[in-house]
Amino acid sequence: MISNKHIFITGGAGFIASTLASRLCGLNKIVLFDNLTRNTVQHTSLLDDKNISLISGDVLDFNSMNQAMEGADIVVHAAAIAGIDTVIKNPIKTMEVNIIGTSNVLKAAHENRVRDRVLDFSTSEVFGSMAYRVTEDMSAVSGSAGEARWVYAVSKLAGEHLANAYFKQHGLPCVTIRPFNIYGPGQTGEGAIQIFIRKALKNEPITIYGDGTQIRAWCYVDDMIEGLMYALENTKAVGESFNIGNSRAVTTIYGLAQTVCRVLGSDSKIVFKDALSADIELRIPETRKSEELLGFKAKVDLEEGIRLTAKWYQDNVL
């Protein structure tokens, strides 16, 4: 159990990071460092907790972040530009935040002598457009230069290499996490499930970009947090990368929309539009390494996760 630690979380006001903070704040002091571009904490009482403080800042500003990180035992780097719409509109900003920002976090962690853990969020997109039961040691795929879809993956992969370099060269206790389609209460931005759920609850049309045959494995956020806790606590995690996902909760995007409507009893119509860019046709993780080395195994099935997520949006947003 993690206790009496000073934990510094970049992107701390975001979906996964704020959920992790709520899990850790009872026994630890936590600093959330965020520019509030995506502000999940506004829908929570997290900032009322005496163990949590929020510092408004940007990972591109090394000096302010380095100062804010002072005294940290654990660093969780969750700040990033994400979401296909955002990436397409701001490819330069995406690259700068995901590469330079990660470099700044690692440099600051090294200068502040962070000794317990530096947890870096990568992405499942590093496996490319056809990723079936992919393992951590499989080759990453960067995609064709000039295709906007791959800007995010390339920038996150560069961050992985940099984290690994800091581990090997300086002994910084880095761990890389590759999340696979995380969803749940508090999600903001462009996640398909939360968009489908919010539309379904209001019986509004649900839009699918492309033909809807794209296949995903969906992981509920509570399972993701369990995986992160294992990665933060288990000494075997240091210097490793881990897939965190639920390979049993698999469906097409069209099937997902149908499931959301059925589970929620919605009258929403499903409509199709042209794809925004190159898409991920298949994305299913192999999580054997996470299970054997960390003890992680996803538990929440898709229908239960949809119900839990919908209830949160009904109670807090809609």
C-alpha atoms as a PDB file:
ATOM      1  CA  MET A   1       0.000   0.000   0.000  1.00  0.00           C
ATOM      2  CA  ILE A   2       1.299   3.450  -0.945  1.00  0.00           C
ATOM      3  CA  SER A   3       1.301   5.785   2.067  1.00  0.00           C
ATOM      4  CA  ASN A   4       3.029   8.913   3.359  1.00  0.00           C
ATOM      5  CA  LYS A   5       4.259   9.795  -0.115  1.00  0.00           C
ATOM      6  CA  HIS A   6       4.424  13.064  -2.015  1.00  0.00           C
ATOM      7  CA  ILE A   7       2.891  12.345  -5.434  1.00  0.00           C
ATOM      8  CA  PHE A   8       3.128  14.701  -8.403  1.00  0.00           C
ATOM      9  CA  ILE A   9       0.692  14.112 -11.288  1.00  0.00           C
ATOM     10  CA  THR A  10       0.898  15.957 -14.607  1.00  0.00           C
ATOM     11  CA  GLY A  11      -2.423  16.223 -16.384  1.00  0.00           C
ATOM     12  CA  GLY A  12      -3.799  15.724 -12.900  1.00  0.00           C
ATOM     13  CA  ALA A  13      -7.185  17.291 -13.620  1.00  0.00           C
ATOM     14  CA  GLY A  14      -7.824  14.814 -16.437  1.00  0.00           C
ATOM     15  CA  PHE A  15      -9.931  11.682 -16.500  1.00  0.00           C
ATOM     16  CA  ILE A  16      -7.582   8.851 -15.533  1.00  0.00           C
ATOM     17  CA  ALA A  17      -5.219  11.001 -13.458  1.00  0.00           C
ATOM     18  CA  SER A  18      -7.952  12.476 -11.269  1.00  0.00           C
ATOM     19  CA  THR A  19      -9.427   9.002 -10.744  1.00  0.00           C
ATOM     20  CA  LEU A  20      -5.999   7.792  -9.632  1.00  0.00           C
ATOM     21  CA  ALA A  21      -5.638  10.813  -7.342  1.00  0.00           C
ATOM     22  CA  SER A  22      -8.926   9.999  -5.631  1.00  0.00           C
ATOM     23  CA  ARG A  23      -7.600   6.498  -4.970  1.00  0.00           C
ATOM     24  CA  LEU A  24      -4.308   7.719  -3.492  1.00  0.00           C
ATOM     25  CA  CYS A  25      -5.239  10.884  -1.609  1.00  0.00           C
ATOM     26  CA  GLY A  26      -6.362   9.252   1.628  1.00  0.00           C
ATOM     27  CA  LEU A  27      -2.827   8.361   2.727  1.00  0.00           C
ATOM     28  CA  ASN A  28      -0.658  10.656   0.574  1.00  0.00           C
ATOM     29  CA  LYS A  29      -0.073  14.286  -0.367  1.00  0.00           C
ATOM     30  CA  ILE A  30      -0.877  14.873  -4.025  1.00  0.00           C
ATOM     31  CA  VAL A  31      -0.078  17.754  -6.363  1.00  0.00           C
ATOM     32  CA  LEU A  32      -2.146  17.950  -9.534  1.00  0.00           C
ATOM     33  CA  PHE A  33      -0.255  19.894 -12.215  1.00  0.00           C
ATOM     34  CA  ASP A  34      -2.494  20.832 -15.149  1.00  0.00           C
ATOM     35  CA  ASN A  35      -3.357  23.642 -17.560  1.00  0.00           C
ATOM     36  CA  LEU A  36      -7.039  22.616 -17.239  1.00  0.00           C
ATOM     37  CA  THR A  37      -7.592  22.066 -20.960  1.00  0.00           C
ATOM     38  CA  ARG A  38      -9.609  19.012 -19.982  1.00  0.00           C
ATOM     39  CA  ASN A  39     -10.993  19.545 -16.526  1.00  0.00           C
ATOM     40  CA  THR A  40     -12.542  16.446 -15.013  1.00  0.00           C
ATOM     41  CA  VAL A  41     -12.071  17.556 -11.399  1.00  0.00           C
ATOM     42  CA  GLN A  42     -14.667  20.282 -11.847  1.00  0.00           C
ATOM     43  CA  HIS A  43     -17.308  17.545 -11.631  1.00  0.00           C
ATOM     44  CA  THR A  44     -15.858  16.139  -8.400  1.00  0.00           C
ATOM     45  CA  SER A  45     -15.164  17.178  -4.814  1.00  0.00           C
ATOM     46  CA  LEU A  46     -11.528  16.154  -5.168  1.00  0.00           C
ATOM     47  CA  LEU A  47     -10.112  19.626  -4.573  1.00  0.00           C
ATOM     48  CA  ASP A  48     -11.925  19.804  -1.245  1.00  0.00           C
ATOM     49  CA  ASP A  49      -9.595  17.094   0.055  1.00  0.00           C
ATOM     50  CA  LYS A  50      -6.898  18.485   2.362  1.00  0.00           C
ATOM     51  CA  ASN A  51      -4.303  16.149   0.822  1.00  0.00           C
ATOM     52  CA  ILE A  52      -4.785  17.447  -2.722  1.00  0.00           C
ATOM     53  CA  SER A  53      -3.565  20.690  -4.243  1.00  0.00           C
ATOM     54  CA  LEU A  54      -3.908  21.934  -7.809  1.00  0.00           C
ATOM     55  CA  ILE A  55      -1.176  23.929  -9.516  1.00  0.00           C
ATOM     56  CA  SER A  56      -2.066  25.557 -12.809  1.00  0.00           C
ATOM     57  CA  GLY A  57       0.845  24.980 -15.162  1.00  0.00           C
ATOM     58  CA  ASP A  58       2.077  23.566 -18.438  1.00  0.00           C
ATOM     59  CA  VAL A  59       4.541  20.720 -19.005  1.00  0.00           C
ATOM     60  CA  LEU A  60       6.173  22.867 -21.702  1.00  0.00           C
ATOM     61  CA  ASP A  61       7.258  25.305 -18.968  1.00  0.00           C
ATOM     62  CA  PHE A  62      10.182  23.405 -17.489  1.00  0.00           C
ATOM     63  CA  ASN A  63      11.079  25.846 -14.717  1.00  0.00           C
ATOM     64  CA  SER A  64       7.614  26.085 -13.196  1.00  0.00           C
ATOM     65  CA  MET A  65       7.089  22.335 -13.383  1.00  0.00           C
ATOM     66  CA  ASN A  66      10.526  21.583 -11.974  1.00  0.00           C
ATOM     67  CA  GLN A  67       9.769  23.822  -9.014  1.00  0.00           C
ATOM     68  CA  ALA A  68       6.284  22.346  -8.507  1.00  0.00           C
ATOM     69  CA  MET A  69       7.753  18.820  -8.508  1.00  0.00           C
ATOM     70  CA  GLU A  70      10.160  19.556  -5.656  1.00  0.00           C
ATOM     71  CA  GLY A  71       9.990  16.916  -2.936  1.00  0.00           C
ATOM     72  CA  ALA A  72       8.062  14.366  -5.005  1.00  0.00           C
ATOM     73  CA  ASP A  73       8.556  10.667  -4.228  1.00  0.00           C
ATOM     74  CA  ILE A  74       6.379   9.524  -7.138  1.00  0.00           C
ATOM     75  CA  VAL A  75       5.712  11.199 -10.486  1.00  0.00           C
ATOM     76  CA  VAL A  76       2.833  10.196 -12.738  1.00  0.00           C
ATOM     77  CA  HIS A  77       3.050  11.732 -16.200  1.00  0.00           C
ATOM     78  CA  ALA A  78      -0.455  11.734 -17.674  1.00  0.00           C
ATOM     79  CA  ALA A  79      -0.404  15.113 -19.453  1.00  0.00           C
ATOM     80  CA  ALA A  80      -0.731  14.858 -23.238  1.00  0.00           C
ATOM     81  CA  ILE A  81      -2.539  16.138 -26.278  1.00  0.00           C
ATOM     82  CA  ALA A  82      -4.981  13.374 -27.209  1.00  0.00           C
ATOM     83  CA  GLY A  83      -8.141  12.724 -29.222  1.00  0.00           C
ATOM     84  CA  ILE A  84      -8.150  12.340 -32.996  1.00  0.00           C
ATOM     85  CA  ASP A  85     -10.020  15.614 -33.654  1.00  0.00           C
ATOM     86  CA  THR A  86      -7.534  17.575 -31.550  1.00  0.00           C
ATOM     87  CA  VAL A  87      -4.518  15.822 -33.056  1.00  0.00           C
ATOM     88  CA  ILE A  88      -5.644  16.532 -36.615  1.00  0.00           C
ATOM     89  CA  LYS A  89      -6.283  20.201 -35.871  1.00  0.00           C
ATOM     90  CA  ASN A  90      -3.086  20.733 -33.834  1.00  0.00           C
ATOM     91  CA  PRO A  91      -0.354  18.330 -34.966  1.00  0.00           C
ATOM     92  CA  ILE A  92       2.499  20.672 -33.993  1.00  0.00           C
ATOM     93  CA  LYS A  93       1.111  21.218 -30.499  1.00  0.00           C
ATOM     94  CA  THR A  94       0.582  17.464 -30.185  1.00  0.00           C
ATOM     95  CA  MET A  95       4.218  16.747 -30.976  1.00  0.00           C
ATOM     96  CA  GLU A  96       5.521  19.513 -28.717  1.00  0.00           C
ATOM     97  CA  VAL A  97       3.464  18.554 -25.670  1.00  0.00           C
ATOM     98  CA  ASN A  98       3.959  14.810 -26.040  1.00  0.00           C
ATOM     99  CA  ILE A  99       7.688  14.930 -26.814  1.00  0.00           C
ATOM    100  CA  ILE A 100       9.073  18.125 -25.246  1.00  0.00           C
ATOM    101  CA  GLY A 101       6.640  17.903 -22.349  1.00  0.00           C
ATOM    102  CA  THR A 102       7.694  14.332 -21.584  1.00  0.00           C
ATOM    103  CA  SER A 103      11.346  15.318 -21.869  1.00  0.00           C
ATOM    104  CA  ASN A 104      10.735  18.117 -19.362  1.00  0.00           C
ATOM    105  CA  VAL A 105       8.993  15.763 -16.925  1.00  0.00           C
ATOM    106  CA  LEU A 106      11.808  13.217 -17.049  1.00  0.00           C
ATOM    107  CA  LYS A 107      14.498  15.873 -16.719  1.00  0.00           C
ATOM    108  CA  ALA A 108      12.700  17.429 -13.735  1.00  0.00           C
ATOM    109  CA  ALA A 109      12.227  14.013 -12.117  1.00  0.00           C
ATOM    110  CA  HIS A 110      15.953  13.360 -12.508  1.00  0.00           C
ATOM    111  CA  GLU A 111      16.920  16.766 -11.105  1.00  0.00           C
ATOM    112  CA  ASN A 112      14.506  16.335  -8.186  1.00  0.00           C
ATOM    113  CA  ARG A 113      15.944  12.871  -7.479  1.00  0.00           C
ATOM    114  CA  VAL A 114      12.593  11.083  -7.656  1.00  0.00           C
ATOM    115  CA  ARG A 115      13.368   7.688  -6.166  1.00  0.00           C
ATOM    116  CA  ASP A 116      10.165   5.655  -5.899  1.00  0.00           C
ATOM    117  CA  ARG A 117       8.561   5.724  -9.344  1.00  0.00           C
ATOM    118  CA  VAL A 118       8.109   7.713 -12.546  1.00  0.00           C
ATOM    119  CA  LEU A 119       5.037   6.408 -14.341  1.00  0.00           C
ATOM    120  CA  ASP A 120       4.736   7.450 -17.993  1.00  0.00           C
ATOM    121  CA  PHE A 121       1.538   7.098 -20.011  1.00  0.00           C
ATOM    122  CA  SER A 122       2.074   5.939 -23.574  1.00  0.00           C
ATOM    123  CA  THR A 123      -0.673   4.640 -25.877  1.00  0.00           C
ATOM    124  CA  SER A 124      -1.916   1.472 -27.530  1.00  0.00           C
ATOM    125  CA  GLU A 125      -1.715   3.331 -30.851  1.00  0.00           C
ATOM    126  CA  VAL A 126       2.013   2.572 -31.037  1.00  0.00           C
ATOM    127  CA  PHE A 127       0.983  -0.864 -32.333  1.00  0.00           C
ATOM    128  CA  GLY A 128      -0.501   0.568 -35.530  1.00  0.00           C
ATOM    129  CA  SER A 129      -3.782  -0.065 -37.324  1.00  0.00           C
ATOM    130  CA  MET A 130      -3.870  -3.890 -36.991  1.00  0.00           C
ATOM    131  CA  ALA A 131      -3.119  -4.891 -33.397  1.00  0.00           C
ATOM    132  CA  TYR A 132      -4.402  -8.319 -32.374  1.00  0.00           C
ATOM    133  CA  ARG A 133      -3.316  -9.698 -28.992  1.00  0.00           C
ATOM    134  CA  VAL A 134      -0.247  -7.477 -29.149  1.00  0.00           C
ATOM    135  CA  THR A 135       2.439  -7.995 -26.519  1.00  0.00           C
ATOM    136  CA  GLU A 136       4.755  -5.402 -25.037  1.00  0.00           C
ATOM    137  CA  ASP A 137       7.780  -6.634 -26.965  1.00  0.00           C
ATOM    138  CA  MET A 138       6.161  -6.511 -30.397  1.00  0.00           C
ATOM    139  CA  SER A 139       7.452  -3.936 -32.877  1.00  0.00           C
ATOM    140  CA  ALA A 140       5.856  -0.512 -32.708  1.00  0.00           C
ATOM    141  CA  VAL A 141       4.355   0.911 -35.895  1.00  0.00           C
ATOM    142  CA  SER A 142       4.713   4.605 -36.638  1.00  0.00           C
ATOM    143  CA  GLY A 143       2.502   4.796 -39.741  1.00  0.00           C
ATOM    144  CA  SER A 144       3.151   6.834 -42.862  1.00  0.00           C
ATOM    145  CA  ALA A 145       4.690  10.294 -42.525  1.00  0.00           C
ATOM    146  CA  GLY A 146       2.151  13.012 -43.243  1.00  0.00           C
ATOM    147  CA  GLU A 147      -0.869  11.023 -42.070  1.00  0.00           C
ATOM    148  CA  ALA A 148      -2.297  12.982 -39.160  1.00  0.00           C
ATOM    149  CA  ARG A 149      -3.471   9.880 -37.312  1.00  0.00           C
ATOM    150  CA  TRP A 150       0.078   8.820 -36.487  1.00  0.00           C
ATOM    151  CA  VAL A 151       1.306  12.119 -35.048  1.00  0.00           C
ATOM    152  CA  TYR A 152       0.017  11.092 -31.628  1.00  0.00           C
ATOM    153  CA  ALA A 153       1.461   7.563 -31.752  1.00  0.00           C
ATOM    154  CA  VAL A 154       4.882   8.746 -32.932  1.00  0.00           C
ATOM    155  CA  SER A 155       5.096  11.405 -30.238  1.00  0.00           C
ATOM    156  CA  LYS A 156       4.121   8.973 -27.478  1.00  0.00           C
ATOM    157  CA  LEU A 157       6.546   6.347 -28.758  1.00  0.00           C
ATOM    158  CA  ALA A 158       9.334   8.924 -28.610  1.00  0.00           C
ATOM    159  CA  GLY A 159       8.378   9.507 -24.981  1.00  0.00           C
ATOM    160  CA  GLU A 160       8.653   5.775 -24.296  1.00  0.00           C
ATOM    161  CA  HIS A 161      12.165   5.664 -25.705  1.00  0.00           C
ATOM    162  CA  LEU A 162      13.140   8.689 -23.648  1.00  0.00           C
ATOM    163  CA  ALA A 163      11.757   7.200 -20.418  1.00  0.00           C
ATOM    164  CA  ASN A 164      13.659   4.003 -21.099  1.00  0.00           C
ATOM    165  CA  ALA A 165      16.828   6.007 -21.766  1.00  0.00           C
ATOM    166  CA  TYR A 166      16.495   7.827 -18.421  1.00  0.00           C
ATOM    167  CA  PHE A 167      16.081   4.467 -16.697  1.00  0.00           C
ATOM    168  CA  LYS A 168      19.147   2.954 -18.346  1.00  0.00           C
ATOM    169  CA  GLN A 169      21.413   6.003 -18.215  1.00  0.00           C
ATOM    170  CA  HIS A 170      20.418   7.594 -14.905  1.00  0.00           C
ATOM    171  CA  GLY A 171      18.623   4.823 -13.039  1.00  0.00           C
ATOM    172  CA  LEU A 172      15.381   6.830 -12.948  1.00  0.00           C
ATOM    173  CA  PRO A 173      12.704   4.322 -11.825  1.00  0.00           C
ATOM    174  CA  CYS A 174      10.526   4.616 -14.936  1.00  0.00           C
ATOM    175  CA  VAL A 175       7.544   2.456 -15.861  1.00  0.00           C
ATOM    176  CA  THR A 176       5.599   2.798 -19.119  1.00  0.00           C
ATOM    177  CA  ILE A 177       1.875   2.083 -19.346  1.00  0.00           C
ATOM    178  CA  ARG A 178       0.058   1.513 -22.640  1.00  0.00           C
ATOM    179  CA  PRO A 179      -3.688   1.978 -21.994  1.00  0.00           C
ATOM    180  CA  PHE A 180      -6.170   0.271 -24.327  1.00  0.00           C
ATOM    181  CA  ASN A 181      -9.404   2.225 -24.774  1.00  0.00           C
ATOM    182  CA  ILE A 182     -10.136   3.292 -21.206  1.00  0.00           C
ATOM    183  CA  TYR A 183     -13.598   4.624 -20.383  1.00  0.00           C
ATOM    184  CA  GLY A 184     -15.761   5.363 -17.372  1.00  0.00           C
ATOM    185  CA  PRO A 185     -17.150   8.041 -15.058  1.00  0.00           C
ATOM    186  CA  GLY A 186     -15.525  11.434 -15.525  1.00  0.00           C
ATOM    187  CA  GLN A 187     -14.193  10.891 -19.024  1.00  0.00           C
ATOM    188  CA  THR A 188     -13.934  14.082 -21.042  1.00  0.00           C
ATOM    189  CA  GLY A 189     -12.874  14.746 -24.623  1.00  0.00           C
ATOM    190  CA  GLU A 190     -13.418  12.436 -27.552  1.00  0.00           C
ATOM    191  CA  GLY A 191     -13.803   8.923 -26.100  1.00  0.00           C
ATOM    192  CA  ALA A 192     -16.362   6.937 -28.088  1.00  0.00           C
ATOM    193  CA  ILE A 193     -18.185   5.320 -25.171  1.00  0.00           C
ATOM    194  CA  GLN A 194     -18.809   8.528 -23.249  1.00  0.00           C
ATOM    195  CA  ILE A 195     -20.011  10.257 -26.433  1.00  0.00           C
ATOM    196  CA  PHE A 196     -22.316   7.348 -27.284  1.00  0.00           C
ATOM    197  CA  ILE A 197     -23.658   7.205 -23.730  1.00  0.00           C
ATOM    198  CA  ARG A 198     -24.382  10.926 -23.506  1.00  0.00           C
ATOM    199  CA  LYS A 199     -26.161  10.841 -26.855  1.00  0.00           C
ATOM    200  CA  ALA A 200     -28.102   7.700 -25.907  1.00  0.00           C
ATOM    201  CA  LEU A 201     -29.277   9.161 -22.602  1.00  0.00           C
ATOM    202  CA  LYS A 202     -30.818  12.054 -24.536  1.00  0.00           C
ATOM    203  CA  ASN A 203     -32.078   9.852 -27.396  1.00  0.00           C
ATOM    204  CA  GLU A 204     -29.976  11.874 -29.839  1.00  0.00           C
ATOM    205  CA  PRO A 205     -28.421  10.416 -33.015  1.00  0.00           C
ATOM    206  CA  ILE A 206     -25.130   8.552 -32.483  1.00  0.00           C
ATOM    207  CA  THR A 207     -22.557   9.219 -35.195  1.00  0.00           C
ATOM    208  CA  ILE A 208     -20.030   6.604 -36.302  1.00  0.00           C
ATOM    209  CA  TYR A 209     -17.124   7.691 -38.483  1.00  0.00           C
ATOM    210  CA  GLY A 210     -16.298   5.025 -41.054  1.00  0.00           C
ATOM    211  CA  ASP A 211     -18.263   1.819 -41.560  1.00  0.00           C
ATOM    212  CA  GLY A 212     -18.322   0.800 -37.887  1.00  0.00           C
ATOM    213  CA  THR A 213     -16.412  -2.460 -38.356  1.00  0.00           C
ATOM    214  CA  GLN A 214     -13.394  -1.205 -36.398  1.00  0.00           C
ATOM    215  CA  ILE A 215     -12.764  -3.562 -33.470  1.00  0.00           C
ATOM    216  CA  ARG A 216     -11.780  -2.423 -29.970  1.00  0.00           C
ATOM    217  CA  ALA A 217     -11.271  -3.908 -26.511  1.00  0.00           C
ATOM    218  CA  TRP A 218     -12.770  -1.613 -23.867  1.00  0.00           C
ATOM    219  CA  CYS A 219     -11.346  -1.282 -20.354  1.00  0.00           C
ATOM    220  CA  TYR A 220     -13.290   0.278 -17.483  1.00  0.00           C
ATOM    221  CA  VAL A 221     -11.390   2.956 -15.583  1.00  0.00           C
ATOM    222  CA  ASP A 222     -11.468   1.142 -12.218  1.00  0.00           C
ATOM    223  CA  ASP A 223      -9.586  -1.739 -13.825  1.00  0.00           C
ATOM    224  CA  MET A 224      -7.102   0.733 -15.296  1.00  0.00           C
ATOM    225  CA  ILE A 225      -6.511   2.236 -11.843  1.00  0.00           C
ATOM    226  CA  GLU A 226      -5.855  -1.227 -10.404  1.00  0.00           C
ATOM    227  CA  GLY A 227      -3.217  -1.729 -13.083  1.00  0.00           C
ATOM    228  CA  LEU A 228      -1.616   1.620 -12.273  1.00  0.00           C
ATOM    229  CA  MET A 229      -1.526   0.813  -8.572  1.00  0.00           C
ATOM    230  CA  TYR A 230       0.267  -2.460  -9.270  1.00  0.00           C
ATOM    231  CA  ALA A 231       2.766  -0.609 -11.482  1.00  0.00           C
ATOM    232  CA  LEU A 232       3.398   1.950  -8.726  1.00  0.00           C
ATOM    233  CA  GLU A 233       3.798  -0.596  -5.920  1.00  0.00           C
ATOM    234  CA  ASN A 234       5.544  -3.575  -7.496  1.00  0.00           C
ATOM    235  CA  THR A 235       9.332  -3.265  -7.718  1.00  0.00           C
ATOM    236  CA  LYS A 236       9.317  -5.682 -10.684  1.00  0.00           C
ATOM    237  CA  ALA A 237       7.613  -2.973 -12.749  1.00  0.00           C
ATOM    238  CA  VAL A 238      10.645  -0.646 -12.872  1.00  0.00           C
ATOM    239  CA  GLY A 239      12.213  -0.443 -16.313  1.00  0.00           C
ATOM    240  CA  GLU A 240       9.283  -2.265 -17.935  1.00  0.00           C
ATOM    241  CA  SER A 241       6.313  -1.420 -20.138  1.00  0.00           C
ATOM    242  CA  PHE A 242       2.823  -2.861 -19.652  1.00  0.00           C
ATOM    243  CA  ASN A 243      -0.373  -3.193 -21.648  1.00  0.00           C
ATOM    244  CA  ILE A 244      -3.390  -2.315 -19.503  1.00  0.00           C
ATOM    245  CA  GLY A 245      -6.702  -3.301 -21.049  1.00  0.00           C
ATOM    246  CA  ASN A 246      -9.526  -5.821 -21.134  1.00  0.00           C
ATOM    247  CA  SER A 247      -9.130  -8.335 -23.947  1.00  0.00           C
ATOM    248  CA  ARG A 248     -12.500  -9.915 -23.113  1.00  0.00           C
ATOM    249  CA  ALA A 249     -14.594  -6.752 -23.644  1.00  0.00           C
ATOM    250  CA  VAL A 250     -14.302  -6.750 -27.439  1.00  0.00           C
ATOM    251  CA  THR A 251     -16.764  -5.373 -29.999  1.00  0.00           C
ATOM    252  CA  THR A 252     -16.959  -3.364 -33.201  1.00  0.00           C
ATOM    253  CA  ILE A 253     -17.721   0.348 -32.999  1.00  0.00           C
ATOM    254  CA  TYR A 254     -21.146  -0.349 -34.512  1.00  0.00           C
ATOM    255  CA  GLY A 255     -21.667  -3.157 -32.006  1.00  0.00           C
ATOM    256  CA  LEU A 256     -20.687  -0.775 -29.221  1.00  0.00           C
ATOM    257  CA  ALA A 257     -23.285   1.777 -30.298  1.00  0.00           C
ATOM    258  CA  GLN A 258     -25.921  -0.947 -30.455  1.00  0.00           C
ATOM    259  CA  THR A 259     -24.932  -2.239 -27.020  1.00  0.00           C
ATOM    260  CA  VAL A 260     -25.076   1.237 -25.468  1.00  0.00           C
ATOM    261  CA  CYS A 261     -28.571   1.772 -26.887  1.00  0.00           C
ATOM    262  CA  ARG A 262     -29.775  -1.647 -25.737  1.00  0.00           C
ATOM    263  CA  VAL A 263     -28.344  -1.427 -22.208  1.00  0.00           C
ATOM    264  CA  LEU A 264     -29.703   2.086 -21.689  1.00  0.00           C
ATOM    265  CA  GLY A 265     -33.029   1.495 -23.436  1.00  0.00           C
ATOM    266  CA  SER A 266     -32.323   4.367 -25.808  1.00  0.00           C
ATOM    267  CA  ASP A 267     -34.166   5.299 -29.000  1.00  0.00           C
ATOM    268  CA  SER A 268     -31.077   6.930 -30.525  1.00  0.00           C
ATOM    269  CA  LYS A 269     -30.565   6.377 -34.245  1.00  0.00           C
ATOM    270  CA  ILE A 270     -27.107   5.296 -35.424  1.00  0.00           C
ATOM    271  CA  VAL A 271     -25.790   7.295 -38.383  1.00  0.00           C
ATOM    272  CA  PHE A 272     -22.577   6.911 -40.376  1.00  0.00           C
ATOM    273  CA  LYS A 273     -20.186   9.561 -41.697  1.00  0.00           C
ATOM    274  CA  ASP A 274     -16.892   9.405 -43.579  1.00  0.00           C
ATOM    275  CA  ALA A 275     -13.821   8.649 -41.462  1.00  0.00           C
ATOM    276  CA  LEU A 276     -11.861  11.691 -40.291  1.00  0.00           C
ATOM    277  CA  SER A 277      -8.481  10.122 -41.054  1.00  0.00           C
ATOM    278  CA  ALA A 278      -6.724   6.764 -41.153  1.00  0.00           C
ATOM    279  CA  ASP A 279      -8.275   4.566 -38.501  1.00  0.00           C
ATOM    280  CA  ILE A 280      -7.317   1.723 -36.185  1.00  0.00           C
ATOM    281  CA  GLU A 281      -9.051  -1.316 -37.651  1.00  0.00           C
ATOM    282  CA  LEU A 282      -8.204  -3.760 -34.854  1.00  0.00           C
ATOM    283  CA  ARG A 283      -6.912  -3.150 -31.333  1.00  0.00           C
ATOM    284  CA  ILE A 284      -6.893  -5.962 -28.770  1.00  0.00           C
ATOM    285  CA  PRO A 285      -4.159  -6.278 -26.124  1.00  0.00           C
ATOM    286  CA  GLU A 286      -2.378  -9.281 -24.759  1.00  0.00           C
ATOM    287  CA  THR A 287      -2.111  -8.608 -21.006  1.00  0.00           C
ATOM    288  CA  ARG A 288      -0.286 -11.760 -19.916  1.00  0.00           C
ATOM    289  CA  LYS A 289       2.810  -9.811 -18.858  1.00  0.00           C
ATOM    290  CA  SER A 290       0.727  -7.476 -16.665  1.00  0.00           C
ATOM    291  CA  GLU A 291      -1.015 -10.460 -15.114  1.00  0.00           C
ATOM    292  CA  GLU A 292       2.117 -12.532 -14.483  1.00  0.00           C
ATOM    293  CA  LEU A 293       4.452  -9.741 -13.373  1.00  0.00           C
ATOM    294  CA  LEU A 294       2.006  -7.383 -11.649  1.00  0.00           C
ATOM    295  CA  GLY A 295      -1.046  -9.465 -10.850  1.00  0.00           C
ATOM    296  CA  PHE A 296      -3.343  -7.322 -13.001  1.00  0.00           C
ATOM    297  CA  LYS A 297      -6.507  -8.702 -14.561  1.00  0.00           C
ATOM    298  CA  ALA A 298      -9.475  -6.638 -15.744  1.00  0.00           C
ATOM    299  CA  LYS A 299     -12.756  -7.552 -14.045  1.00  0.00           C
ATOM    300  CA  VAL A 300     -15.527  -5.215 -15.264  1.00  0.00           C
ATOM    301  CA  ASP A 301     -17.455  -6.417 -18.309  1.00  0.00           C
ATOM    302  CA  LEU A 302     -18.655  -4.021 -20.978  1.00  0.00           C
ATOM    303  CA  GLU A 303     -22.351  -3.892 -20.103  1.00  0.00           C
ATOM    304  CA  GLU A 304     -21.668  -3.294 -16.416  1.00  0.00           C
ATOM    305  CA  GLY A 305     -19.179  -0.561 -17.326  1.00  0.00           C
ATOM    306  CA  ILE A 306     -21.727   1.125 -19.597  1.00  0.00           C
ATOM    307  CA  ARG A 307     -24.347   1.145 -16.820  1.00  0.00           C
ATOM    308  CA  LEU A 308     -21.910   2.547 -14.243  1.00  0.00           C
ATOM    309  CA  THR A 309     -20.685   5.224 -16.642  1.00  0.00           C
ATOM    310  CA  ALA A 310     -24.202   6.241 -17.674  1.00  0.00           C
ATOM    311  CA  LYS A 311     -25.287   6.620 -14.055  1.00  0.00           C
ATOM    312  CA  TRP A 312     -22.361   8.974 -13.398  1.00  0.00           C
ATOM    313  CA  TYR A 313     -23.263  11.196 -16.360  1.00  0.00           C
ATOM    314  CA  GLN A 314     -26.905  11.256 -15.318  1.00  0.00           C
ATOM    315  CA  ASP A 315     -25.972  12.275 -11.783  1.00  0.00           C
ATOM    316  CA  ASN A 316     -23.162  14.730 -12.532  1.00  0.00           C
ATOM    317  CA  VAL A 317     -23.348  16.186 -16.046  1.00  0.00           C
ATOM    318  CA  LEU A 318     -26.706  15.857 -17.796  1.00  0.00           C
END
